[in-house]
Amino acid sequence: MMMKSLTGAALLLGAAVLAPVADAQTVPQDKTQVPGYFKLMVGDVQVTALYDGSSTFPLNLFKNASPETLQREVAEVDGDAPKVVNGSVNSFLINTGEHLILIDSGGGALLGPGFGQVMRNLRAAGYQPGQVDMVLLTHMHRDHIGGLVSDDGQPAFPHATVYASQPEIDYWLSAENASHAAPDQQAAFQMVKRTLAPYADRGRLRAFTYGKALLPGLQPVSLPGHTPGHSGFMLDRGGQRILFWGDIVHYSALQFAHPELGIAYDSDSGRAIRTRETLLKQVARQKTLIAGAHITFPGIGYLRADGDTAYRWTPIGFGELR
């Protein structure tokens, strides 16, 4: 009798739980994402990753492997063998307490819907554009410089000086290079000239020198191949290091496992591959923290060797600032 009573009670309780509540309200879905910023400390310096946007790009942009091989490699990470992969665009802030330095500016209005979010996320992170006094460019592709100007063509960072390598400046601002560029590249040269003009006209476009510190503990690093003057920036403070490496890797699921894969965006594919292979080996051996422009946001983590030529990525975990 006791067992029957308990069973009956359980069934009644289950029915009560499953029965709809007469006055229940519908719960609308909030489809807005949290602000796209992530903070961490490197020594006594605060670094903030800023999300600019994300989209997809086709696998056929990658070179030196068959489509079947590319799809098989992506399938090991993403499940099905997609013909497109996700890509994000990240910029980074360095707050030394005396300087607020932006590394790359995102695409601004040049990349279309879903991008151009750096400015909004910079404000969400607690900063104002007028506080940025230095902008360091890894290179001059549109997803790295488009955010330099506002919609009315004025400097988006009114008190900032923009720095790039001399080879990058010489290449993109050369009238001769522009005149000899392929027809589909002509617009890129004009875009760079137009975007940098508000700073150049005010005397606030300058070249940095490899081997010479921009600020104490902040050194530019030559990483050519993706563009002629493609650069990274090494921040070394309080015994901790982080390398902002720009476009060394575009899609981590492929190029960490296969550094020999080029991409159509490279101006010198062979040199870009050699630079990547050398750098990946070095940062894995030295356990250098990496900040990548196209690694899934926030794009910060460590590499470790996975065999003789491949690498595995470990993203940094979310946590309190220390």
C-alpha atoms as a PDB file:
ATOM      1  CA  MET A   1       0.000   0.000   0.000  1.00  0.00           C
ATOM      2  CA  MET A   2       2.814   2.400   0.880  1.00  0.00           C
ATOM      3  CA  MET A   3       4.535   1.788  -2.522  1.00  0.00           C
ATOM      4  CA  LYS A   4       1.304   2.422  -4.412  1.00  0.00           C
ATOM      5  CA  SER A   5       0.756   5.676  -2.522  1.00  0.00           C
ATOM      6  CA  LEU A   6       4.273   6.890  -3.250  1.00  0.00           C
ATOM      7  CA  THR A   7       3.950   6.012  -6.919  1.00  0.00           C
ATOM      8  CA  GLY A   8       0.679   7.861  -7.184  1.00  0.00           C
ATOM      9  CA  ALA A   9       2.140  10.914  -5.458  1.00  0.00           C
ATOM     10  CA  ALA A  10       5.128  10.932  -7.789  1.00  0.00           C
ATOM     11  CA  LEU A  11       2.875  10.830 -10.829  1.00  0.00           C
ATOM     12  CA  LEU A  12       0.798  13.701  -9.522  1.00  0.00           C
ATOM     13  CA  LEU A  13       3.926  15.746  -8.795  1.00  0.00           C
ATOM     14  CA  GLY A  14       5.288  15.073 -12.283  1.00  0.00           C
ATOM     15  CA  ALA A  15       2.031  16.139 -13.838  1.00  0.00           C
ATOM     16  CA  ALA A  16       2.079  19.321 -11.791  1.00  0.00           C
ATOM     17  CA  VAL A  17       5.607  20.157 -12.931  1.00  0.00           C
ATOM     18  CA  LEU A  18       4.839  19.506 -16.586  1.00  0.00           C
ATOM     19  CA  ALA A  19       1.501  21.292 -16.626  1.00  0.00           C
ATOM     20  CA  PRO A  20       1.636  24.804 -18.105  1.00  0.00           C
ATOM     21  CA  VAL A  21       1.209  27.668 -15.698  1.00  0.00           C
ATOM     22  CA  ALA A  22      -1.878  29.615 -16.584  1.00  0.00           C
ATOM     23  CA  ASP A  23      -0.386  33.071 -16.054  1.00  0.00           C
ATOM     24  CA  ALA A  24       3.129  32.330 -17.466  1.00  0.00           C
ATOM     25  CA  GLN A  25       4.627  35.146 -19.527  1.00  0.00           C
ATOM     26  CA  THR A  26       6.502  34.628 -22.768  1.00  0.00           C
ATOM     27  CA  VAL A  27      10.221  35.357 -22.464  1.00  0.00           C
ATOM     28  CA  PRO A  28      11.549  37.242 -25.497  1.00  0.00           C
ATOM     29  CA  GLN A  29      15.019  36.410 -26.744  1.00  0.00           C
ATOM     30  CA  ASP A  30      17.608  39.168 -26.487  1.00  0.00           C
ATOM     31  CA  LYS A  31      19.711  38.788 -29.628  1.00  0.00           C
ATOM     32  CA  THR A  32      22.274  41.452 -28.800  1.00  0.00           C
ATOM     33  CA  GLN A  33      25.780  40.274 -27.895  1.00  0.00           C
ATOM     34  CA  VAL A  34      27.846  41.493 -24.958  1.00  0.00           C
ATOM     35  CA  PRO A  35      30.304  44.328 -25.736  1.00  0.00           C
ATOM     36  CA  GLY A  36      33.329  43.016 -27.614  1.00  0.00           C
ATOM     37  CA  TYR A  37      36.257  43.745 -25.357  1.00  0.00           C
ATOM     38  CA  PHE A  38      38.555  41.629 -23.194  1.00  0.00           C
ATOM     39  CA  LYS A  39      41.139  42.906 -20.704  1.00  0.00           C
ATOM     40  CA  LEU A  40      44.290  41.380 -19.239  1.00  0.00           C
ATOM     41  CA  MET A  41      47.458  42.579 -17.554  1.00  0.00           C
ATOM     42  CA  VAL A  42      50.933  42.178 -19.044  1.00  0.00           C
ATOM     43  CA  GLY A  43      53.251  43.211 -16.256  1.00  0.00           C
ATOM     44  CA  ASP A  44      52.058  46.651 -15.179  1.00  0.00           C
ATOM     45  CA  VAL A  45      50.378  47.386 -18.526  1.00  0.00           C
ATOM     46  CA  GLN A  46      46.726  46.778 -19.332  1.00  0.00           C
ATOM     47  CA  VAL A  47      45.945  45.226 -22.720  1.00  0.00           C
ATOM     48  CA  THR A  48      42.418  45.267 -24.135  1.00  0.00           C
ATOM     49  CA  ALA A  49      41.315  43.231 -27.139  1.00  0.00           C
ATOM     50  CA  LEU A  50      38.684  45.029 -29.228  1.00  0.00           C
ATOM     51  CA  TYR A  51      36.320  43.133 -31.508  1.00  0.00           C
ATOM     52  CA  ASP A  52      35.647  44.723 -34.898  1.00  0.00           C
ATOM     53  CA  GLY A  53      33.438  42.049 -36.442  1.00  0.00           C
ATOM     54  CA  SER A  54      33.380  38.614 -37.996  1.00  0.00           C
ATOM     55  CA  SER A  55      32.348  37.006 -41.231  1.00  0.00           C
ATOM     56  CA  THR A  56      33.146  34.013 -43.390  1.00  0.00           C
ATOM     57  CA  PHE A  57      35.600  33.592 -46.219  1.00  0.00           C
ATOM     58  CA  PRO A  58      35.976  30.756 -48.726  1.00  0.00           C
ATOM     59  CA  LEU A  59      38.485  27.974 -48.340  1.00  0.00           C
ATOM     60  CA  ASN A  60      39.719  28.534 -51.882  1.00  0.00           C
ATOM     61  CA  LEU A  61      41.624  31.583 -50.617  1.00  0.00           C
ATOM     62  CA  PHE A  62      44.183  29.179 -49.141  1.00  0.00           C
ATOM     63  CA  LYS A  63      47.052  27.981 -51.304  1.00  0.00           C
ATOM     64  CA  ASN A  64      49.385  24.958 -51.503  1.00  0.00           C
ATOM     65  CA  ALA A  65      46.738  22.325 -50.781  1.00  0.00           C
ATOM     66  CA  SER A  66      43.893  20.730 -52.731  1.00  0.00           C
ATOM     67  CA  PRO A  67      40.273  21.654 -51.910  1.00  0.00           C
ATOM     68  CA  GLU A  68      39.717  18.113 -50.642  1.00  0.00           C
ATOM     69  CA  THR A  69      42.658  18.381 -48.248  1.00  0.00           C
ATOM     70  CA  LEU A  70      41.489  21.753 -46.954  1.00  0.00           C
ATOM     71  CA  GLN A  71      37.964  20.497 -46.323  1.00  0.00           C
ATOM     72  CA  ARG A  72      39.268  17.402 -44.542  1.00  0.00           C
ATOM     73  CA  GLU A  73      41.481  19.509 -42.262  1.00  0.00           C
ATOM     74  CA  VAL A  74      38.681  21.926 -41.413  1.00  0.00           C
ATOM     75  CA  ALA A  75      36.294  19.035 -40.783  1.00  0.00           C
ATOM     76  CA  GLU A  76      38.548  17.769 -38.000  1.00  0.00           C
ATOM     77  CA  VAL A  77      37.868  21.002 -36.123  1.00  0.00           C
ATOM     78  CA  ASP A  78      34.518  22.301 -37.358  1.00  0.00           C
ATOM     79  CA  GLY A  79      32.638  19.090 -37.888  1.00  0.00           C
ATOM     80  CA  ASP A  80      31.299  19.003 -41.449  1.00  0.00           C
ATOM     81  CA  ALA A  81      33.747  19.976 -44.209  1.00  0.00           C
ATOM     82  CA  PRO A  82      32.605  23.538 -44.933  1.00  0.00           C
ATOM     83  CA  LYS A  83      33.590  25.471 -47.995  1.00  0.00           C
ATOM     84  CA  VAL A  84      33.797  28.642 -45.888  1.00  0.00           C
ATOM     85  CA  VAL A  85      35.392  29.347 -42.519  1.00  0.00           C
ATOM     86  CA  ASN A  86      34.736  31.964 -39.896  1.00  0.00           C
ATOM     87  CA  GLY A  87      37.122  34.863 -39.553  1.00  0.00           C
ATOM     88  CA  SER A  88      37.248  37.689 -37.037  1.00  0.00           C
ATOM     89  CA  VAL A  89      38.965  41.064 -37.012  1.00  0.00           C
ATOM     90  CA  ASN A  90      40.589  42.137 -33.742  1.00  0.00           C
ATOM     91  CA  SER A  91      42.378  45.300 -32.663  1.00  0.00           C
ATOM     92  CA  PHE A  92      44.225  45.851 -29.392  1.00  0.00           C
ATOM     93  CA  LEU A  93      44.696  48.672 -26.893  1.00  0.00           C
ATOM     94  CA  ILE A  94      47.745  49.111 -24.684  1.00  0.00           C
ATOM     95  CA  ASN A  95      47.296  51.357 -21.629  1.00  0.00           C
ATOM     96  CA  THR A  96      50.650  52.129 -20.029  1.00  0.00           C
ATOM     97  CA  GLY A  97      49.172  54.716 -17.666  1.00  0.00           C
ATOM     98  CA  GLU A  98      50.871  57.460 -19.663  1.00  0.00           C
ATOM     99  CA  HIS A  99      49.980  56.413 -23.214  1.00  0.00           C
ATOM    100  CA  LEU A 100      46.939  54.806 -24.786  1.00  0.00           C
ATOM    101  CA  ILE A 101      48.101  52.921 -27.876  1.00  0.00           C
ATOM    102  CA  LEU A 102      45.832  51.315 -30.457  1.00  0.00           C
ATOM    103  CA  ILE A 103      47.234  48.498 -32.588  1.00  0.00           C
ATOM    104  CA  ASP A 104      45.271  48.517 -35.854  1.00  0.00           C
ATOM    105  CA  SER A 105      41.911  50.236 -36.131  1.00  0.00           C
ATOM    106  CA  GLY A 106      39.612  47.623 -37.633  1.00  0.00           C
ATOM    107  CA  GLY A 107      37.784  48.067 -40.910  1.00  0.00           C
ATOM    108  CA  GLY A 108      35.582  51.047 -40.113  1.00  0.00           C
ATOM    109  CA  ALA A 109      33.105  51.452 -42.950  1.00  0.00           C
ATOM    110  CA  LEU A 110      35.304  49.621 -45.473  1.00  0.00           C
ATOM    111  CA  LEU A 111      34.279  46.036 -44.668  1.00  0.00           C
ATOM    112  CA  GLY A 112      30.508  46.290 -44.821  1.00  0.00           C
ATOM    113  CA  PRO A 113      27.789  45.057 -42.416  1.00  0.00           C
ATOM    114  CA  GLY A 114      28.941  43.325 -39.251  1.00  0.00           C
ATOM    115  CA  PHE A 115      32.238  45.181 -39.034  1.00  0.00           C
ATOM    116  CA  GLY A 116      33.372  48.592 -37.866  1.00  0.00           C
ATOM    117  CA  GLN A 117      32.751  47.890 -34.170  1.00  0.00           C
ATOM    118  CA  VAL A 118      36.144  48.917 -32.757  1.00  0.00           C
ATOM    119  CA  MET A 119      35.038  52.426 -31.828  1.00  0.00           C
ATOM    120  CA  ARG A 120      31.908  51.245 -30.040  1.00  0.00           C
ATOM    121  CA  ASN A 121      33.819  48.569 -28.136  1.00  0.00           C
ATOM    122  CA  LEU A 122      36.622  50.980 -27.256  1.00  0.00           C
ATOM    123  CA  ARG A 123      34.026  53.191 -25.561  1.00  0.00           C
ATOM    124  CA  ALA A 124      32.381  50.186 -23.902  1.00  0.00           C
ATOM    125  CA  ALA A 125      35.785  49.271 -22.449  1.00  0.00           C
ATOM    126  CA  GLY A 126      35.902  52.641 -20.693  1.00  0.00           C
ATOM    127  CA  TYR A 127      37.946  54.758 -23.111  1.00  0.00           C
ATOM    128  CA  GLN A 128      37.347  57.660 -25.489  1.00  0.00           C
ATOM    129  CA  PRO A 129      38.865  58.076 -28.976  1.00  0.00           C
ATOM    130  CA  GLY A 130      40.478  61.341 -27.930  1.00  0.00           C
ATOM    131  CA  GLN A 131      42.565  59.501 -25.313  1.00  0.00           C
ATOM    132  CA  VAL A 132      44.398  57.456 -27.954  1.00  0.00           C
ATOM    133  CA  ASP A 133      47.724  59.162 -28.648  1.00  0.00           C
ATOM    134  CA  MET A 134      49.420  56.478 -30.785  1.00  0.00           C
ATOM    135  CA  VAL A 135      48.057  54.140 -33.462  1.00  0.00           C
ATOM    136  CA  LEU A 136      50.454  51.399 -34.564  1.00  0.00           C
ATOM    137  CA  LEU A 137      49.697  49.700 -37.863  1.00  0.00           C
ATOM    138  CA  THR A 138      50.797  46.135 -38.509  1.00  0.00           C
ATOM    139  CA  HIS A 139      50.096  46.830 -42.203  1.00  0.00           C
ATOM    140  CA  MET A 140      47.789  48.800 -44.458  1.00  0.00           C
ATOM    141  CA  HIS A 141      45.082  46.414 -45.593  1.00  0.00           C
ATOM    142  CA  ARG A 142      41.598  47.854 -45.219  1.00  0.00           C
ATOM    143  CA  ASP A 143      40.595  45.700 -42.245  1.00  0.00           C
ATOM    144  CA  HIS A 144      43.456  47.271 -40.280  1.00  0.00           C
ATOM    145  CA  ILE A 145      43.227  50.936 -41.283  1.00  0.00           C
ATOM    146  CA  GLY A 146      39.571  51.568 -42.173  1.00  0.00           C
ATOM    147  CA  GLY A 147      38.714  52.640 -38.629  1.00  0.00           C
ATOM    148  CA  LEU A 148      41.208  55.515 -38.728  1.00  0.00           C
ATOM    149  CA  VAL A 149      38.682  57.916 -40.239  1.00  0.00           C
ATOM    150  CA  SER A 150      35.160  58.935 -39.288  1.00  0.00           C
ATOM    151  CA  ASP A 151      32.227  58.972 -41.682  1.00  0.00           C
ATOM    152  CA  ASP A 152      32.969  62.605 -42.576  1.00  0.00           C
ATOM    153  CA  GLY A 153      36.606  61.835 -43.465  1.00  0.00           C
ATOM    154  CA  GLN A 154      38.123  63.311 -40.310  1.00  0.00           C
ATOM    155  CA  PRO A 155      40.628  61.564 -38.000  1.00  0.00           C
ATOM    156  CA  ALA A 156      38.675  59.165 -35.795  1.00  0.00           C
ATOM    157  CA  PHE A 157      41.445  59.555 -33.188  1.00  0.00           C
ATOM    158  CA  PRO A 158      41.956  63.322 -33.182  1.00  0.00           C
ATOM    159  CA  HIS A 159      45.010  63.406 -30.907  1.00  0.00           C
ATOM    160  CA  ALA A 160      46.812  60.342 -32.268  1.00  0.00           C
ATOM    161  CA  THR A 161      49.913  59.980 -34.387  1.00  0.00           C
ATOM    162  CA  VAL A 162      49.828  56.988 -36.742  1.00  0.00           C
ATOM    163  CA  TYR A 163      52.950  54.836 -37.072  1.00  0.00           C
ATOM    164  CA  ALA A 164      53.813  52.229 -39.709  1.00  0.00           C
ATOM    165  CA  SER A 165      57.009  50.703 -41.023  1.00  0.00           C
ATOM    166  CA  GLN A 166      58.920  52.623 -43.682  1.00  0.00           C
ATOM    167  CA  PRO A 167      58.613  49.767 -46.227  1.00  0.00           C
ATOM    168  CA  GLU A 168      54.836  49.747 -45.727  1.00  0.00           C
ATOM    169  CA  ILE A 169      54.558  53.512 -46.172  1.00  0.00           C
ATOM    170  CA  ASP A 170      56.860  53.488 -49.187  1.00  0.00           C
ATOM    171  CA  TYR A 171      54.922  50.712 -50.880  1.00  0.00           C
ATOM    172  CA  TRP A 172      51.357  51.928 -50.432  1.00  0.00           C
ATOM    173  CA  LEU A 173      51.947  55.662 -50.883  1.00  0.00           C
ATOM    174  CA  SER A 174      54.139  55.277 -53.968  1.00  0.00           C
ATOM    175  CA  ALA A 175      52.558  56.815 -57.069  1.00  0.00           C
ATOM    176  CA  GLU A 176      54.749  54.559 -59.198  1.00  0.00           C
ATOM    177  CA  ASN A 177      53.597  51.393 -57.424  1.00  0.00           C
ATOM    178  CA  ALA A 178      49.992  52.502 -57.768  1.00  0.00           C
ATOM    179  CA  SER A 179      50.385  53.191 -61.486  1.00  0.00           C
ATOM    180  CA  HIS A 180      51.887  49.751 -62.125  1.00  0.00           C
ATOM    181  CA  ALA A 181      49.427  47.834 -59.945  1.00  0.00           C
ATOM    182  CA  ALA A 182      47.006  45.371 -61.484  1.00  0.00           C
ATOM    183  CA  PRO A 183      43.573  46.851 -62.230  1.00  0.00           C
ATOM    184  CA  ASP A 184      41.969  45.024 -59.306  1.00  0.00           C
ATOM    185  CA  GLN A 185      44.610  46.512 -56.958  1.00  0.00           C
ATOM    186  CA  GLN A 186      44.267  50.134 -58.059  1.00  0.00           C
ATOM    187  CA  ALA A 187      41.395  50.729 -55.645  1.00  0.00           C
ATOM    188  CA  ALA A 188      43.469  49.421 -52.723  1.00  0.00           C
ATOM    189  CA  PHE A 189      46.209  51.997 -53.315  1.00  0.00           C
ATOM    190  CA  GLN A 190      43.649  54.793 -53.555  1.00  0.00           C
ATOM    191  CA  MET A 191      41.921  53.563 -50.391  1.00  0.00           C
ATOM    192  CA  VAL A 192      45.180  53.649 -48.410  1.00  0.00           C
ATOM    193  CA  LYS A 193      46.057  57.136 -49.644  1.00  0.00           C
ATOM    194  CA  ARG A 194      42.580  58.461 -48.871  1.00  0.00           C
ATOM    195  CA  THR A 195      42.457  56.856 -45.407  1.00  0.00           C
ATOM    196  CA  LEU A 196      45.874  58.076 -44.282  1.00  0.00           C
ATOM    197  CA  ALA A 197      45.510  61.588 -45.728  1.00  0.00           C
ATOM    198  CA  PRO A 198      43.778  63.138 -42.675  1.00  0.00           C
ATOM    199  CA  TYR A 199      46.811  62.183 -40.575  1.00  0.00           C
ATOM    200  CA  ALA A 200      49.527  62.750 -43.201  1.00  0.00           C
ATOM    201  CA  ASP A 201      48.160  66.222 -43.973  1.00  0.00           C
ATOM    202  CA  ARG A 202      48.498  67.120 -40.295  1.00  0.00           C
ATOM    203  CA  GLY A 203      52.034  65.756 -40.004  1.00  0.00           C
ATOM    204  CA  ARG A 204      50.859  62.823 -37.909  1.00  0.00           C
ATOM    205  CA  LEU A 205      51.924  59.901 -40.064  1.00  0.00           C
ATOM    206  CA  ARG A 206      55.359  58.618 -39.096  1.00  0.00           C
ATOM    207  CA  ALA A 207      57.610  55.650 -39.762  1.00  0.00           C
ATOM    208  CA  PHE A 208      59.032  53.520 -36.971  1.00  0.00           C
ATOM    209  CA  THR A 209      62.438  51.860 -37.104  1.00  0.00           C
ATOM    210  CA  TYR A 210      62.998  48.174 -36.399  1.00  0.00           C
ATOM    211  CA  GLY A 211      65.362  47.714 -33.477  1.00  0.00           C
ATOM    212  CA  LYS A 212      64.342  51.026 -31.907  1.00  0.00           C
ATOM    213  CA  ALA A 213      61.782  51.032 -29.103  1.00  0.00           C
ATOM    214  CA  LEU A 214      58.601  52.993 -29.644  1.00  0.00           C
ATOM    215  CA  LEU A 215      58.223  53.267 -25.865  1.00  0.00           C
ATOM    216  CA  PRO A 216      60.018  51.520 -23.015  1.00  0.00           C
ATOM    217  CA  GLY A 217      59.316  47.812 -23.438  1.00  0.00           C
ATOM    218  CA  LEU A 218      57.522  48.180 -26.781  1.00  0.00           C
ATOM    219  CA  GLN A 219      59.464  47.149 -29.902  1.00  0.00           C
ATOM    220  CA  PRO A 220      58.377  46.829 -33.544  1.00  0.00           C
ATOM    221  CA  VAL A 221      59.205  43.484 -35.158  1.00  0.00           C
ATOM    222  CA  SER A 222      59.732  42.922 -38.892  1.00  0.00           C
ATOM    223  CA  LEU A 223      57.401  40.164 -40.179  1.00  0.00           C
ATOM    224  CA  PRO A 224      57.386  40.633 -43.969  1.00  0.00           C
ATOM    225  CA  GLY A 225      55.563  38.674 -46.637  1.00  0.00           C
ATOM    226  CA  HIS A 226      51.897  39.316 -46.048  1.00  0.00           C
ATOM    227  CA  THR A 227      52.690  42.858 -47.178  1.00  0.00           C
ATOM    228  CA  PRO A 228      56.133  44.359 -47.862  1.00  0.00           C
ATOM    229  CA  GLY A 229      56.317  46.077 -44.488  1.00  0.00           C
ATOM    230  CA  HIS A 230      54.092  43.815 -42.390  1.00  0.00           C
ATOM    231  CA  SER A 231      55.097  44.171 -38.724  1.00  0.00           C
ATOM    232  CA  GLY A 232      54.387  42.954 -35.240  1.00  0.00           C
ATOM    233  CA  PHE A 233      54.863  44.622 -31.878  1.00  0.00           C
ATOM    234  CA  MET A 234      56.480  43.001 -28.848  1.00  0.00           C
ATOM    235  CA  LEU A 235      55.440  44.309 -25.443  1.00  0.00           C
ATOM    236  CA  ASP A 236      57.779  43.259 -22.630  1.00  0.00           C
ATOM    237  CA  ARG A 237      56.898  44.586 -19.178  1.00  0.00           C
ATOM    238  CA  GLY A 238      57.627  43.203 -15.737  1.00  0.00           C
ATOM    239  CA  GLY A 239      59.030  39.948 -17.084  1.00  0.00           C
ATOM    240  CA  GLN A 240      55.890  39.222 -19.134  1.00  0.00           C
ATOM    241  CA  ARG A 241      55.662  39.394 -22.927  1.00  0.00           C
ATOM    242  CA  ILE A 242      52.973  39.547 -25.570  1.00  0.00           C
ATOM    243  CA  LEU A 243      53.477  39.693 -29.333  1.00  0.00           C
ATOM    244  CA  PHE A 244      50.848  41.443 -31.438  1.00  0.00           C
ATOM    245  CA  TRP A 245      51.531  39.697 -34.727  1.00  0.00           C
ATOM    246  CA  GLY A 246      48.971  41.078 -37.169  1.00  0.00           C
ATOM    247  CA  ASP A 247      48.174  38.672 -40.014  1.00  0.00           C
ATOM    248  CA  ILE A 248      50.696  35.900 -39.431  1.00  0.00           C
ATOM    249  CA  VAL A 249      47.728  33.500 -39.273  1.00  0.00           C
ATOM    250  CA  HIS A 250      44.321  34.005 -40.883  1.00  0.00           C
ATOM    251  CA  TYR A 251      42.584  30.785 -39.873  1.00  0.00           C
ATOM    252  CA  SER A 252      43.996  28.929 -36.909  1.00  0.00           C
ATOM    253  CA  ALA A 253      42.356  25.564 -37.640  1.00  0.00           C
ATOM    254  CA  LEU A 254      44.387  25.336 -40.844  1.00  0.00           C
ATOM    255  CA  GLN A 255      47.552  27.366 -40.512  1.00  0.00           C
ATOM    256  CA  PHE A 256      48.635  26.215 -37.057  1.00  0.00           C
ATOM    257  CA  ALA A 257      48.491  22.605 -38.178  1.00  0.00           C
ATOM    258  CA  HIS A 258      49.851  23.516 -41.634  1.00  0.00           C
ATOM    259  CA  PRO A 259      52.007  26.664 -41.550  1.00  0.00           C
ATOM    260  CA  GLU A 260      52.938  25.992 -45.170  1.00  0.00           C
ATOM    261  CA  LEU A 261      49.463  27.050 -46.323  1.00  0.00           C
ATOM    262  CA  GLY A 262      49.508  30.457 -47.965  1.00  0.00           C
ATOM    263  CA  ILE A 263      46.549  32.759 -48.505  1.00  0.00           C
ATOM    264  CA  ALA A 264      45.569  34.849 -51.495  1.00  0.00           C
ATOM    265  CA  TYR A 265      45.896  38.092 -49.510  1.00  0.00           C
ATOM    266  CA  ASP A 266      49.693  37.704 -49.220  1.00  0.00           C
ATOM    267  CA  SER A 267      51.734  40.002 -51.451  1.00  0.00           C
ATOM    268  CA  ASP A 268      54.676  37.550 -51.345  1.00  0.00           C
ATOM    269  CA  SER A 269      53.324  34.139 -50.445  1.00  0.00           C
ATOM    270  CA  GLY A 270      56.694  32.377 -50.208  1.00  0.00           C
ATOM    271  CA  ARG A 271      58.124  34.993 -47.887  1.00  0.00           C
ATOM    272  CA  ALA A 272      54.972  35.055 -45.753  1.00  0.00           C
ATOM    273  CA  ILE A 273      55.177  31.278 -45.304  1.00  0.00           C
ATOM    274  CA  ARG A 274      58.848  31.427 -44.309  1.00  0.00           C
ATOM    275  CA  THR A 275      58.114  34.214 -41.833  1.00  0.00           C
ATOM    276  CA  ARG A 276      55.232  32.239 -40.313  1.00  0.00           C
ATOM    277  CA  GLU A 277      57.198  28.984 -40.016  1.00  0.00           C
ATOM    278  CA  THR A 278      60.124  30.728 -38.317  1.00  0.00           C
ATOM    279  CA  LEU A 279      57.942  32.771 -35.976  1.00  0.00           C
ATOM    280  CA  LEU A 280      55.683  29.908 -34.864  1.00  0.00           C
ATOM    281  CA  LYS A 281      58.707  27.853 -33.891  1.00  0.00           C
ATOM    282  CA  GLN A 282      60.172  30.769 -31.955  1.00  0.00           C
ATOM    283  CA  VAL A 283      57.070  31.791 -29.979  1.00  0.00           C
ATOM    284  CA  ALA A 284      56.223  28.183 -29.119  1.00  0.00           C
ATOM    285  CA  ARG A 285      59.736  27.571 -27.823  1.00  0.00           C
ATOM    286  CA  GLN A 286      59.788  30.820 -25.835  1.00  0.00           C
ATOM    287  CA  LYS A 287      56.163  30.452 -24.622  1.00  0.00           C
ATOM    288  CA  THR A 288      55.359  33.969 -25.766  1.00  0.00           C
ATOM    289  CA  LEU A 289      51.773  35.160 -25.346  1.00  0.00           C
ATOM    290  CA  ILE A 290      50.258  35.938 -28.771  1.00  0.00           C
ATOM    291  CA  ALA A 291      47.622  38.456 -29.869  1.00  0.00           C
ATOM    292  CA  GLY A 292      46.390  37.752 -33.407  1.00  0.00           C
ATOM    293  CA  ALA A 293      44.270  39.985 -35.611  1.00  0.00           C
ATOM    294  CA  HIS A 294      42.277  37.104 -37.126  1.00  0.00           C
ATOM    295  CA  ILE A 295      42.278  34.452 -34.414  1.00  0.00           C
ATOM    296  CA  THR A 296      38.822  33.931 -32.890  1.00  0.00           C
ATOM    297  CA  PHE A 297      38.139  36.819 -30.486  1.00  0.00           C
ATOM    298  CA  PRO A 298      39.823  37.825 -28.256  1.00  0.00           C
ATOM    299  CA  GLY A 299      42.622  36.257 -30.298  1.00  0.00           C
ATOM    300  CA  ILE A 300      44.993  35.888 -27.338  1.00  0.00           C
ATOM    301  CA  GLY A 301      46.718  32.678 -26.292  1.00  0.00           C
ATOM    302  CA  TYR A 302      49.747  30.408 -26.455  1.00  0.00           C
ATOM    303  CA  LEU A 303      51.192  27.998 -28.988  1.00  0.00           C
ATOM    304  CA  ARG A 304      52.825  24.662 -28.334  1.00  0.00           C
ATOM    305  CA  ALA A 305      54.550  22.362 -30.785  1.00  0.00           C
ATOM    306  CA  ASP A 306      52.551  19.381 -32.053  1.00  0.00           C
ATOM    307  CA  GLY A 307      55.158  17.321 -33.855  1.00  0.00           C
ATOM    308  CA  ASP A 308      57.949  18.719 -35.981  1.00  0.00           C
ATOM    309  CA  THR A 309      56.081  21.359 -37.974  1.00  0.00           C
ATOM    310  CA  ALA A 310      52.564  21.687 -36.526  1.00  0.00           C
ATOM    311  CA  TYR A 311      51.263  23.650 -33.539  1.00  0.00           C
ATOM    312  CA  ARG A 312      48.309  23.714 -31.184  1.00  0.00           C
ATOM    313  CA  TRP A 313      46.600  26.853 -29.910  1.00  0.00           C
ATOM    314  CA  THR A 314      45.523  27.344 -26.296  1.00  0.00           C
ATOM    315  CA  PRO A 315      43.351  30.442 -25.853  1.00  0.00           C
ATOM    316  CA  ILE A 316      43.727  32.474 -22.703  1.00  0.00           C
ATOM    317  CA  GLY A 317      40.979  31.894 -20.160  1.00  0.00           C
ATOM    318  CA  PHE A 318      38.497  34.461 -18.916  1.00  0.00           C
ATOM    319  CA  GLY A 319      39.206  35.747 -15.414  1.00  0.00           C
ATOM    320  CA  GLU A 320      39.738  38.696 -13.128  1.00  0.00           C
ATOM    321  CA  LEU A 321      42.488  41.222 -13.836  1.00  0.00           C
ATOM    322  CA  ARG A 322      45.570  40.571 -11.738  1.00  0.00           C
END
